């Protein structure tokens, strides 16, 4: 049986974590202070803090939640249980993954064909009319030899589907080696050792959540340990901001992520249980739609904004950064609500029956 407190925390965090993912993709590269060729600036520091530090736990936590939820309600993983899980993930992951990537191809095609916008929205995509068979296939994996599918944020869904396919192997290892298997994957991830198809980060975080789900344990720490973790995480974020260009910053970031996951879970549980914080269904229900649609909208909105605001005006650029995030989240929530009201069957397919 799923832990009730853990279930509430996962539900609560869906929107806040999604907002931080939007922040990651709203990053304005002209102010990327981690690039040694770009001078330090107030605007660069602010967006680096939100897009690189505050947001760094979002994807790992979603992988943890996915692993936890996959196993939390089952007593054991047998053939029938796994088949039922695959059928469920076919509708919740694969179908929306394919449709959203094709929608993005269509959006780029319209933008290119009508000349209402630049030849392509991001300045780097090949003309859709010139796509070869390889290009069409790469739409769903790594468009034009890059790291991401056409709808770039959906790389998470792509990797999650691979983790689900390997769930029986992970289940076997976790039941035989228990937490030692998680430590092994964590060591590979921490040392930066990763595969070409499925990253060690995906394996590690999915397996971390799976461990808690299989053994019916809660990831939420309590008492003084949670308070200490919050203080340590705040200190870690401050140090990470100060040493953002340090030689070993990648290793320190990984340490911060681990601390941040447990600190965030503790804080969220405290806010729900003690302070009675809630997020309305209107907002939490929109998280997947925001996730799937926001990338192309951010590109369009920021390009339009910078027709009126100069890149050289860092305070104007900072306003564009926060404005684009707020617009993407709010518009996504409204569109999600309208879609479910007006076209519920279409919404069910697009959103994976969520």
Protein backbone atom coordinates (compact mmCIF):
# COMPACT_ATOMS: atom_id res chain seq x y z
CA UNK A 1 0.00 0.00 0.00
CA UNK A 2 1.20 3.51 -0.84
CA UNK A 3 2.23 5.75 2.04
CA UNK A 4 -0.49 8.40 2.47
CA UNK A 5 1.91 11.22 3.37
CA UNK A 6 4.11 10.38 0.39
CA UNK A 7 1.08 10.40 -1.91
CA UNK A 8 0.07 13.87 -0.71
CA UNK A 9 3.61 15.20 -1.13
CA UNK A 10 3.86 13.89 -4.69
CA UNK A 11 0.51 15.41 -5.59
CA UNK A 12 1.46 18.75 -4.03
CA UNK A 13 4.85 18.95 -5.74
CA UNK A 14 3.62 18.31 -9.27
CA UNK A 15 3.08 21.98 -10.08
CA UNK A 16 6.00 23.60 -8.17
CA UNK A 17 8.47 21.18 -9.74
CA UNK A 18 6.93 21.80 -13.16
CA UNK A 19 7.38 25.55 -12.70
CA UNK A 20 11.08 24.99 -12.05
CA UNK A 21 11.32 22.91 -15.24
CA UNK A 22 9.81 25.83 -17.16
CA UNK A 23 12.49 28.01 -15.56
CA UNK A 24 15.18 25.70 -16.89
CA UNK A 25 13.91 26.14 -20.45
CA UNK A 26 13.35 29.90 -20.06
CA UNK A 27 17.11 30.32 -19.61
CA UNK A 28 18.46 33.21 -21.69
CA UNK A 29 21.84 32.03 -22.97
CA UNK A 30 23.12 35.53 -23.63
CA UNK A 31 23.34 35.88 -19.83
CA UNK A 32 24.73 32.43 -19.02
CA UNK A 33 27.36 33.22 -16.39
CA UNK A 34 28.64 29.63 -16.48
CA UNK A 35 29.98 30.43 -19.95
CA UNK A 36 33.48 31.89 -19.43
CA UNK A 37 33.01 34.11 -22.49
CA UNK A 38 30.02 35.87 -20.95
CA UNK A 39 30.68 38.46 -18.21
CA UNK A 40 29.08 38.13 -14.78
CA UNK A 41 25.89 40.16 -14.35
CA UNK A 42 23.04 40.56 -11.90
CA UNK A 43 20.58 39.20 -14.46
CA UNK A 44 22.84 36.23 -15.16
CA UNK A 45 23.23 35.46 -11.45
CA UNK A 46 19.48 35.59 -10.77
CA UNK A 47 18.50 33.34 -13.65
CA UNK A 48 21.38 30.97 -12.86
CA UNK A 49 20.11 30.64 -9.29
CA UNK A 50 16.56 29.80 -10.35
CA UNK A 51 17.25 27.79 -13.51
CA UNK A 52 20.34 25.87 -12.38
CA UNK A 53 20.20 25.68 -8.59
CA UNK A 54 16.59 25.90 -7.41
CA UNK A 55 15.48 23.77 -10.38
CA UNK A 56 18.17 21.10 -10.16
CA UNK A 57 16.10 18.69 -8.06
CA UNK A 58 13.03 18.70 -10.32
CA UNK A 59 13.92 16.02 -12.88
CA UNK A 60 15.59 13.71 -10.30
CA UNK A 61 12.50 13.96 -8.10
CA UNK A 62 10.17 13.12 -10.98
CA UNK A 63 12.27 10.03 -11.74
CA UNK A 64 12.13 9.07 -8.05
CA UNK A 65 8.37 9.54 -7.97
CA UNK A 66 7.98 7.44 -11.13
CA UNK A 67 10.01 4.58 -9.67
CA UNK A 68 8.15 4.80 -6.38
CA UNK A 69 4.69 4.85 -7.97
CA UNK A 70 5.54 1.97 -10.31
CA UNK A 71 6.11 -0.41 -7.40
CA UNK A 72 4.30 1.10 -4.40
CA UNK A 73 0.92 -0.58 -4.88
CA UNK A 74 2.14 -4.07 -5.82
CA UNK A 75 3.15 -6.89 -3.50
CA UNK A 76 5.39 -8.55 -6.08
CA UNK A 77 6.22 -8.10 -9.75
CA UNK A 78 5.00 -11.09 -11.73
CA UNK A 79 4.26 -11.43 -15.43
CA UNK A 80 0.61 -10.36 -15.24
CA UNK A 81 1.34 -7.38 -13.00
CA UNK A 82 4.12 -6.20 -15.31
CA UNK A 83 1.90 -6.60 -18.38
CA UNK A 84 -0.81 -4.49 -16.73
CA UNK A 85 1.79 -1.84 -15.90
CA UNK A 86 3.00 -1.81 -19.52
CA UNK A 87 -0.54 -1.37 -20.82
CA UNK A 88 -1.06 1.52 -18.43
CA UNK A 89 2.23 3.19 -19.42
CA UNK A 90 1.41 2.72 -23.11
CA UNK A 91 -1.49 5.14 -22.67
CA UNK A 92 0.12 7.45 -20.10
CA UNK A 93 3.60 7.69 -21.66
CA UNK A 94 4.00 6.37 -25.21
CA UNK A 95 0.82 7.71 -26.81
CA UNK A 96 1.22 11.33 -25.60
CA UNK A 97 4.96 11.15 -26.33
CA UNK A 98 4.34 10.32 -29.99
CA UNK A 99 1.49 12.79 -30.43
CA UNK A 100 3.24 15.76 -28.82
CA UNK A 101 6.39 15.23 -30.87
CA UNK A 102 4.30 15.10 -34.06
CA UNK A 103 2.46 18.24 -32.96
CA UNK A 104 5.80 19.99 -32.61
CA UNK A 105 6.77 18.91 -36.13
CA UNK A 106 3.50 20.38 -37.38
CA UNK A 107 4.09 23.65 -35.50
CA UNK A 108 7.56 24.00 -37.00
CA UNK A 109 6.19 23.17 -40.44
CA UNK A 110 3.51 25.86 -40.21
CA UNK A 111 6.01 28.42 -38.93
CA UNK A 112 8.38 27.63 -41.79
CA UNK A 113 5.72 27.44 -44.50
CA UNK A 114 3.84 30.63 -43.62
CA UNK A 115 6.87 32.80 -42.84
CA UNK A 116 4.88 34.28 -39.99
CA UNK A 117 7.95 33.62 -37.87
CA UNK A 118 11.62 33.00 -38.60
CA UNK A 119 12.36 29.99 -40.83
CA UNK A 120 12.27 27.95 -37.68
CA UNK A 121 11.42 28.90 -34.15
CA UNK A 122 14.77 28.13 -32.56
CA UNK A 123 17.07 29.02 -35.44
CA UNK A 124 18.58 25.55 -35.77
CA UNK A 125 15.96 23.14 -37.12
CA UNK A 126 16.04 21.69 -40.63
CA UNK A 127 13.07 22.47 -42.88
CA UNK A 128 10.36 19.89 -42.27
CA UNK A 129 9.69 19.52 -46.01
CA UNK A 130 13.29 18.32 -46.41
CA UNK A 131 13.02 15.60 -43.74
CA UNK A 132 14.39 12.19 -44.67
CA UNK A 133 13.29 8.90 -43.11
CA UNK A 134 16.15 9.27 -40.63
CA UNK A 135 14.92 12.75 -39.67
CA UNK A 136 11.40 11.46 -39.05
CA UNK A 137 12.70 8.66 -36.87
CA UNK A 138 15.00 11.02 -34.97
CA UNK A 139 12.00 13.20 -34.14
CA UNK A 140 11.21 10.64 -31.45
CA UNK A 141 14.73 10.18 -30.12
CA UNK A 142 17.40 12.77 -30.90
CA UNK A 143 16.38 15.20 -33.59
CA UNK A 144 19.25 16.13 -35.93
CA UNK A 145 21.76 14.10 -33.92
CA UNK A 146 21.23 16.04 -30.69
CA UNK A 147 20.24 14.77 -27.26
CA UNK A 148 16.51 15.43 -27.34
CA UNK A 149 13.34 14.53 -29.27
CA UNK A 150 11.45 17.19 -31.23
CA UNK A 151 9.57 18.30 -28.13
CA UNK A 152 12.81 18.59 -26.18
CA UNK A 153 11.49 18.39 -22.58
CA UNK A 154 9.97 14.99 -23.40
CA UNK A 155 13.43 13.40 -23.18
CA UNK A 156 12.32 12.61 -19.63
CA UNK A 157 9.39 10.54 -20.95
CA UNK A 158 11.71 8.82 -23.43
CA UNK A 159 14.14 7.79 -20.70
CA UNK A 160 11.33 6.89 -18.32
CA UNK A 161 9.85 4.50 -20.89
CA UNK A 162 13.21 2.75 -21.14
CA UNK A 163 13.39 2.49 -17.35
CA UNK A 164 9.89 0.96 -17.32
CA UNK A 165 10.95 -1.62 -19.91
CA UNK A 166 13.87 -2.55 -17.66
CA UNK A 167 11.74 -2.59 -14.50
CA UNK A 168 11.86 -6.41 -14.10
CA UNK A 169 15.66 -6.31 -14.14
CA UNK A 170 15.72 -3.45 -11.64
CA UNK A 171 13.18 -5.28 -9.47
CA UNK A 172 15.35 -8.41 -9.47
CA UNK A 173 18.47 -6.44 -8.51
CA UNK A 174 16.67 -4.46 -5.82
CA UNK A 175 15.15 -7.55 -4.22
CA UNK A 176 18.47 -9.40 -4.25
CA UNK A 177 20.94 -6.61 -3.46
CA UNK A 178 18.50 -4.20 -1.78
CA UNK A 179 20.02 -0.78 -0.99
CA UNK A 180 23.45 -1.90 -2.15
CA UNK A 181 22.18 -1.82 -5.72
CA UNK A 182 21.01 1.76 -5.21
CA UNK A 183 24.43 2.68 -3.78
CA UNK A 184 26.14 1.12 -6.80
CA UNK A 185 24.03 3.09 -9.26
CA UNK A 186 24.52 6.21 -7.15
CA UNK A 187 28.29 5.77 -7.27
CA UNK A 188 28.22 5.45 -11.07
CA UNK A 189 26.09 8.57 -11.35
CA UNK A 190 28.19 10.57 -8.89
CA UNK A 191 31.38 9.71 -10.78
CA UNK A 192 29.81 10.78 -14.07
CA UNK A 193 29.85 7.27 -15.57
CA UNK A 194 26.90 6.96 -17.92
CA UNK A 195 25.64 5.01 -20.94
CA UNK A 196 24.79 6.21 -24.43
CA UNK A 197 21.18 5.03 -24.41
CA UNK A 198 20.06 5.34 -20.80
CA UNK A 199 21.91 7.61 -18.42
CA UNK A 200 23.13 6.52 -15.01
CA UNK A 201 21.08 9.40 -13.56
CA UNK A 202 17.86 7.89 -14.93
CA UNK A 203 18.73 4.44 -13.58
CA UNK A 204 19.79 5.80 -10.20
CA UNK A 205 16.83 8.06 -9.45
CA UNK A 206 14.22 5.65 -10.82
CA UNK A 207 15.79 2.84 -8.77
CA UNK A 208 16.00 5.05 -5.68
CA UNK A 209 12.26 5.64 -5.82
CA UNK A 210 11.65 1.99 -6.74
CA UNK A 211 13.54 0.85 -3.64
CA UNK A 212 11.17 2.79 -1.39
CA UNK A 213 8.17 1.55 -3.36
CA UNK A 214 9.18 -2.12 -3.28
CA UNK A 215 9.91 -2.11 0.45
CA UNK A 216 6.91 0.12 1.25
CA UNK A 217 9.02 2.79 2.89
CA UNK A 218 8.46 6.53 2.90
CA UNK A 219 11.09 8.83 1.41
CA UNK A 220 10.09 11.55 3.87
CA UNK A 221 12.51 12.05 6.73
CA UNK A 222 11.16 13.50 9.95
CA UNK A 223 12.14 15.32 13.09
CA UNK A 224 15.53 16.91 13.60
CA UNK A 225 17.06 15.11 10.61
CA UNK A 226 14.71 16.95 8.27
CA UNK A 227 15.53 20.30 9.85
CA UNK A 228 19.25 19.62 9.55
CA UNK A 229 18.79 18.67 5.89
CA UNK A 230 17.02 21.97 5.20
CA UNK A 231 19.88 23.95 6.72
CA UNK A 232 22.48 21.88 4.88
CA UNK A 233 20.62 22.28 1.59
CA UNK A 234 20.37 26.06 2.00
CA UNK A 235 24.11 26.17 2.69
CA UNK A 236 24.78 23.93 -0.31
CA UNK A 237 22.80 26.23 -2.60
CA UNK A 238 24.69 29.27 -1.32
CA UNK A 239 28.05 27.57 -1.87
CA UNK A 240 27.00 26.31 -5.28
CA UNK A 241 26.05 29.84 -6.27
CA UNK A 242 29.36 31.22 -5.03
CA UNK A 243 31.51 28.55 -6.69
CA UNK A 244 29.39 28.24 -9.85
CA UNK A 245 32.48 28.09 -12.07
CA UNK A 246 34.64 25.97 -9.75
CA UNK A 247 36.68 23.02 -11.00
CA UNK A 248 34.70 20.39 -9.09
CA UNK A 249 31.29 22.06 -9.25
CA UNK A 250 29.71 19.07 -11.08
CA UNK A 251 30.42 16.77 -8.13
CA UNK A 252 29.21 19.32 -5.62
CA UNK A 253 26.00 19.80 -7.63
CA UNK A 254 25.31 16.07 -7.47
CA UNK A 255 25.73 16.13 -3.72
CA UNK A 256 23.37 19.10 -3.51
CA UNK A 257 20.73 17.24 -5.53
CA UNK A 258 20.69 14.28 -3.14
CA UNK A 259 20.38 16.55 -0.10
CA UNK A 260 17.84 18.69 -1.95
CA UNK A 261 15.53 15.77 -2.72
CA UNK A 262 15.13 14.77 0.92
CA UNK A 263 15.03 18.38 2.15
CA UNK A 264 12.28 19.23 -0.34
CA UNK A 265 10.23 16.20 0.66
CA UNK A 266 10.58 17.09 4.35
CA UNK A 267 9.63 20.74 3.81
CA UNK A 268 6.65 19.86 1.63
CA UNK A 269 5.35 17.33 4.15
CA UNK A 270 5.71 19.95 6.90
CA UNK A 271 3.80 22.56 4.89
CA UNK A 272 0.99 20.10 4.14
CA UNK A 273 0.75 18.48 7.57
CA UNK A 274 1.44 21.42 9.89
CA UNK A 275 0.62 24.53 7.85
CA UNK A 276 -2.23 22.92 5.86
CA UNK A 277 -0.91 24.22 2.54
CA UNK A 278 -2.83 23.15 -0.55
CA UNK A 279 -2.60 23.64 -4.30
CA UNK A 280 -5.93 23.81 -6.09
CA UNK A 281 -6.84 21.06 -8.53
CA UNK A 282 -6.96 23.64 -11.35
CA UNK A 283 -3.21 24.18 -11.02
CA UNK A 284 -1.95 20.72 -10.08
CA UNK A 285 -4.05 19.10 -12.80
CA UNK A 286 -2.34 21.23 -15.46
CA UNK A 287 1.24 20.10 -14.79
CA UNK A 288 1.51 17.60 -17.67
CA UNK A 289 0.03 19.98 -20.24
CA UNK A 290 2.43 22.72 -19.12
CA UNK A 291 5.28 20.25 -19.38
CA UNK A 292 4.40 19.11 -22.89
CA UNK A 293 3.56 22.45 -24.51
CA UNK A 294 5.80 25.05 -22.88
CA UNK A 295 9.07 24.73 -24.84
CA UNK A 296 7.86 26.11 -28.16
CA UNK A 297 5.73 28.75 -26.43
CA UNK A 298 8.75 30.05 -24.50
CA UNK A 299 10.76 30.39 -27.71
CA UNK A 300 7.97 32.30 -29.44
CA UNK A 301 7.20 34.55 -26.47
CA UNK A 302 10.82 35.44 -25.70
CA UNK A 303 11.55 36.20 -29.35
CA UNK A 304 8.53 38.50 -29.43
CA UNK A 305 9.53 40.18 -26.16
CA UNK A 306 13.03 40.88 -27.40
CA UNK A 307 11.60 42.78 -30.35
CA UNK A 308 10.73 45.43 -27.76
CA UNK A 309 13.38 44.85 -25.09
CA UNK A 310 17.09 44.97 -25.89
CA UNK A 311 19.30 42.01 -24.97
CA UNK A 312 21.76 44.57 -23.59
CA UNK A 313 19.24 45.78 -21.02
CA UNK A 314 19.81 43.21 -18.29
CA UNK A 315 16.90 44.35 -16.12
CA UNK A 316 14.61 44.20 -19.13
CA UNK A 317 15.95 40.73 -19.90
CA UNK A 318 15.28 39.70 -16.29
CA UNK A 319 11.68 40.85 -16.66
CA UNK A 320 11.37 38.83 -19.88
CA UNK A 321 12.72 35.78 -18.06
CA UNK A 322 10.17 35.87 -15.23
CA UNK A 323 7.35 37.09 -17.49
CA UNK A 324 7.82 34.20 -19.91
CA UNK A 325 7.79 31.66 -17.07
CA UNK A 326 4.61 33.13 -15.55
CA UNK A 327 2.88 33.29 -18.94
CA UNK A 328 3.82 29.72 -19.85
CA UNK A 329 2.46 28.37 -16.56
CA UNK A 330 -0.73 30.44 -16.46
CA UNK A 331 -1.60 29.97 -20.13
CA UNK A 332 -0.87 26.26 -19.86
CA UNK A 333 -3.25 25.92 -16.92
CA UNK A 334 -6.01 27.76 -18.78
CA UNK A 335 -5.52 25.77 -22.00
CA UNK A 336 -5.52 22.52 -20.03
CA UNK A 337 -8.82 23.48 -18.37
CA UNK A 338 -10.40 24.53 -21.68
CA UNK A 339 -9.23 21.39 -23.46
CA UNK A 340 -10.72 19.13 -20.79
CA UNK A 341 -13.99 21.07 -20.79
CA UNK A 342 -14.45 21.35 -24.56
CA UNK A 343 -12.66 18.26 -25.93
CA UNK A 344 -12.42 15.73 -23.10
CA UNK A 345 -11.62 12.77 -25.36
CA UNK A 346 -8.83 14.66 -27.12
CA UNK A 347 -7.51 15.80 -23.75
CA UNK A 348 -7.51 12.22 -22.49
CA UNK A 349 -5.28 11.12 -25.38
CA UNK A 350 -2.98 14.16 -25.30
CA UNK A 351 -2.52 13.97 -21.55
CA UNK A 352 -2.15 10.22 -21.23
CA UNK A 353 -5.55 9.72 -19.56
CA UNK A 354 -4.50 11.99 -16.69
